[in-house]
Amino acid sequence: MKPEVLENKLIYQGKVFDILLTKIREADTVYEREIVRHNGSAVIVPVFEDMTVALVRQYRHAAGKYLLEIPAGSIEKGESAEECAKRELLEEVGLKAGKLEKITEFFVSPGFLSEKMFVFLATNLEQTEQKLEFDEILEIQRYDFPTIFQMIKTRELEDAKTIIGLTLAGIKLGFSFS
């Protein structure tokens, strides 16, 4: 039986996430948790016919440095994960996918964050035009899977969604992570 939520108090409302103070009763114990509420994200591994992948390098202030990542973005209210994936692929990389396949989904950090990430493999790509938002300053770089796997091993890739997405996509496409 799930614990009972006694109270949810909104303590911060933002553009990307909210923070709730939640009072919970589990068995005879009552406790509080601070929860970051997020709509979730779509994460895309865009693989070209030559089996290279488009990654984006951008500054991540929370990490204090530039990171190399697969394209991703927050799911907007009323939008499905697949719709978000299509939108973000077009916005960030200027690509349309002929085929978009969900390969996994996972919670980012379920101890305090409700965000779930949905990872898609995008193939049969058509180049169009980027539609970056004003604060999206990024550089697109392409790598093959052997290079990507080496970058994971040497810790050049540090972003969890990127490591998970690239590893699963590479294995699905027949590459060996050894």
Protein backbone atom coordinates (compact mmCIF):
# COMPACT_ATOMS: atom_id res chain seq x y z
CA MET A 1 0.00 0.00 0.00
CA LYS A 2 1.33 3.41 -0.99
CA PRO A 3 2.00 6.06 1.64
CA GLU A 4 -0.70 8.74 2.07
CA VAL A 5 -0.01 12.30 0.96
CA LEU A 6 -1.34 14.53 3.72
CA GLU A 7 -0.43 17.89 2.21
CA ASN A 8 1.25 19.43 -0.84
CA LYS A 9 2.39 23.01 -0.35
CA LEU A 10 3.72 24.91 -3.38
CA ILE A 11 6.82 26.77 -2.18
CA TYR A 12 8.22 27.83 -5.58
CA GLN A 13 6.66 28.14 -9.02
CA GLY A 14 9.00 28.51 -11.99
CA LYS A 15 9.01 28.32 -15.78
CA VAL A 16 10.61 24.86 -15.93
CA PHE A 17 9.77 23.32 -12.56
CA ASP A 18 7.92 23.86 -9.27
CA ILE A 19 8.99 22.92 -5.76
CA LEU A 20 6.53 21.31 -3.37
CA LEU A 21 6.82 20.64 0.33
CA THR A 22 4.93 17.37 0.76
CA LYS A 23 3.81 15.84 4.04
CA ILE A 24 3.54 12.05 3.86
CA ARG A 25 2.26 9.34 6.19
CA GLU A 26 3.81 5.91 5.79
CA ALA A 27 2.62 3.35 8.34
CA ASP A 28 2.89 5.23 11.68
CA THR A 29 5.49 7.73 10.49
CA VAL A 30 4.77 11.23 9.18
CA TYR A 31 7.58 13.00 7.32
CA GLU A 32 8.17 15.80 4.81
CA ARG A 33 9.89 15.81 1.43
CA GLU A 34 10.87 18.69 -0.82
CA ILE A 35 9.92 17.63 -4.34
CA VAL A 36 10.93 19.28 -7.60
CA ARG A 37 7.96 18.80 -9.94
CA HIS A 38 8.90 18.68 -13.64
CA ASN A 39 6.80 17.68 -16.70
CA GLY A 40 9.51 15.38 -18.00
CA SER A 41 11.87 15.56 -20.96
CA ALA A 42 12.40 14.06 -24.37
CA VAL A 43 15.94 13.01 -25.25
CA ILE A 44 16.94 12.25 -28.82
CA VAL A 45 19.82 10.25 -30.33
CA PRO A 46 19.92 11.46 -33.97
CA VAL A 47 21.79 8.89 -36.08
CA PHE A 48 22.70 9.73 -39.67
CA GLU A 49 23.03 7.19 -42.52
CA ASP A 50 26.83 7.18 -42.04
CA MET A 51 26.18 6.08 -38.41
CA THR A 52 27.40 9.32 -36.89
CA VAL A 53 25.44 11.02 -34.14
CA ALA A 54 24.73 14.74 -33.77
CA LEU A 55 25.68 16.00 -30.31
CA VAL A 56 25.34 19.54 -28.99
CA ARG A 57 27.99 21.35 -26.96
CA GLN A 58 26.55 23.98 -24.66
CA TYR A 59 27.34 25.77 -21.43
CA ARG A 60 25.63 24.29 -18.39
CA HIS A 61 25.82 26.73 -15.52
CA ALA A 62 24.93 24.18 -12.82
CA ALA A 63 27.94 22.09 -13.92
CA GLY A 64 30.07 25.21 -14.40
CA LYS A 65 31.30 24.15 -17.84
CA TYR A 66 30.48 23.23 -21.41
CA LEU A 67 29.07 19.73 -21.83
CA LEU A 68 28.61 17.58 -24.91
CA GLU A 69 25.09 16.14 -24.93
CA ILE A 70 22.43 14.57 -27.09
CA PRO A 71 19.58 16.97 -27.94
CA ALA A 72 16.86 17.19 -25.29
CA GLY A 73 14.16 19.43 -23.94
CA SER A 74 11.31 19.74 -21.49
CA ILE A 75 7.88 18.43 -22.37
CA GLU A 76 5.41 21.29 -22.52
CA LYS A 77 1.94 21.11 -20.98
CA GLY A 78 -0.36 19.07 -23.23
CA GLU A 79 2.55 17.77 -25.33
CA SER A 80 3.50 14.10 -25.62
CA ALA A 81 7.08 12.91 -25.22
CA GLU A 82 7.20 12.05 -28.94
CA GLU A 83 5.91 15.50 -29.96
CA CYS A 84 8.53 17.08 -27.73
CA ALA A 85 11.26 14.92 -29.28
CA LYS A 86 10.27 16.04 -32.79
CA ARG A 87 10.15 19.69 -31.71
CA GLU A 88 13.50 19.62 -29.91
CA LEU A 89 15.24 17.77 -32.75
CA LEU A 90 14.10 20.47 -35.17
CA GLU A 91 14.85 23.38 -32.80
CA GLU A 92 18.28 22.32 -31.60
CA VAL A 93 19.75 20.45 -34.55
CA GLY A 94 17.56 21.40 -37.52
CA LEU A 95 16.57 17.80 -38.26
CA LYS A 96 13.35 15.92 -39.02
CA ALA A 97 13.30 12.19 -38.33
CA GLY A 98 11.70 9.78 -40.80
CA LYS A 99 11.68 7.27 -37.96
CA LEU A 100 11.47 8.03 -34.24
CA GLU A 101 11.56 5.07 -31.83
CA LYS A 102 11.40 5.19 -28.03
CA ILE A 103 14.24 3.08 -26.64
CA THR A 104 13.84 3.68 -22.90
CA GLU A 105 12.49 5.93 -20.18
CA PHE A 106 13.86 6.58 -16.72
CA PHE A 107 13.55 8.80 -13.66
CA VAL A 108 16.42 11.25 -13.38
CA SER A 109 16.72 11.41 -9.58
CA PRO A 110 13.54 10.09 -7.93
CA GLY A 111 14.60 10.96 -4.40
CA PHE A 112 13.56 14.57 -4.94
CA LEU A 113 12.74 15.08 -8.63
CA SER A 114 9.62 13.89 -10.49
CA GLU A 115 11.23 14.32 -13.94
CA LYS A 116 11.10 11.31 -16.23
CA MET A 117 13.21 11.26 -19.39
CA PHE A 118 12.02 9.53 -22.55
CA VAL A 119 14.88 8.52 -24.89
CA PHE A 120 14.24 8.29 -28.63
CA LEU A 121 16.35 6.97 -31.47
CA ALA A 122 15.92 9.22 -34.53
CA THR A 123 16.87 7.85 -37.96
CA ASN A 124 16.12 8.58 -41.63
CA LEU A 125 17.10 12.17 -40.90
CA GLU A 126 16.32 15.14 -43.12
CA GLN A 127 18.33 18.34 -42.66
CA THR A 128 16.24 21.50 -42.34
CA GLU A 129 16.95 24.66 -40.38
CA GLN A 130 17.62 25.12 -36.67
CA LYS A 131 15.04 27.07 -34.70
CA LEU A 132 17.02 27.93 -31.59
CA GLU A 133 15.47 29.88 -28.75
CA PHE A 134 17.20 33.16 -27.88
CA ASP A 135 19.17 31.65 -25.01
CA GLU A 136 20.19 28.43 -26.78
CA ILE A 137 23.82 28.92 -27.70
CA LEU A 138 25.17 25.62 -28.91
CA GLU A 139 27.52 23.98 -31.34
CA ILE A 140 26.65 20.77 -33.22
CA GLN A 141 29.34 18.09 -33.46
CA ARG A 142 29.12 14.63 -35.04
CA TYR A 143 30.82 11.48 -33.79
CA ASP A 144 30.72 7.78 -34.68
CA PHE A 145 29.85 5.14 -32.08
CA PRO A 146 33.38 3.77 -31.51
CA THR A 147 34.53 7.32 -30.72
CA ILE A 148 31.47 7.95 -28.55
CA PHE A 149 32.05 4.77 -26.54
CA GLN A 150 35.67 5.79 -26.01
CA MET A 151 34.53 9.26 -24.88
CA ILE A 152 32.23 7.61 -22.31
CA LYS A 153 35.09 5.46 -20.99
CA THR A 154 37.48 8.43 -20.72
CA ARG A 155 34.79 10.55 -19.02
CA GLU A 156 34.75 13.16 -21.79
CA LEU A 157 30.99 12.64 -21.83
CA GLU A 158 29.66 13.39 -18.33
CA ASP A 159 25.93 13.88 -18.81
CA ALA A 160 23.85 10.91 -17.61
CA LYS A 161 21.07 11.13 -20.22
CA THR A 162 23.72 11.31 -22.93
CA ILE A 163 25.62 8.31 -21.64
CA ILE A 164 22.43 6.24 -21.26
CA GLY A 165 20.96 7.26 -24.61
CA LEU A 166 24.14 6.78 -26.61
CA THR A 167 24.98 3.46 -24.99
CA LEU A 168 21.52 1.97 -25.59
CA ALA A 169 21.25 3.38 -29.13
CA GLY A 170 24.71 2.13 -30.05
CA ILE A 171 24.03 -1.37 -28.76
CA LYS A 172 20.63 -1.42 -30.51
CA LEU A 173 22.38 -0.52 -33.78
CA GLY A 174 24.88 -3.36 -33.36
CA PHE A 175 27.90 -1.57 -31.90
CA SER A 176 29.83 -3.22 -29.09
CA PHE A 177 30.62 -1.31 -25.93
CA SER A 178 33.77 -3.14 -24.91
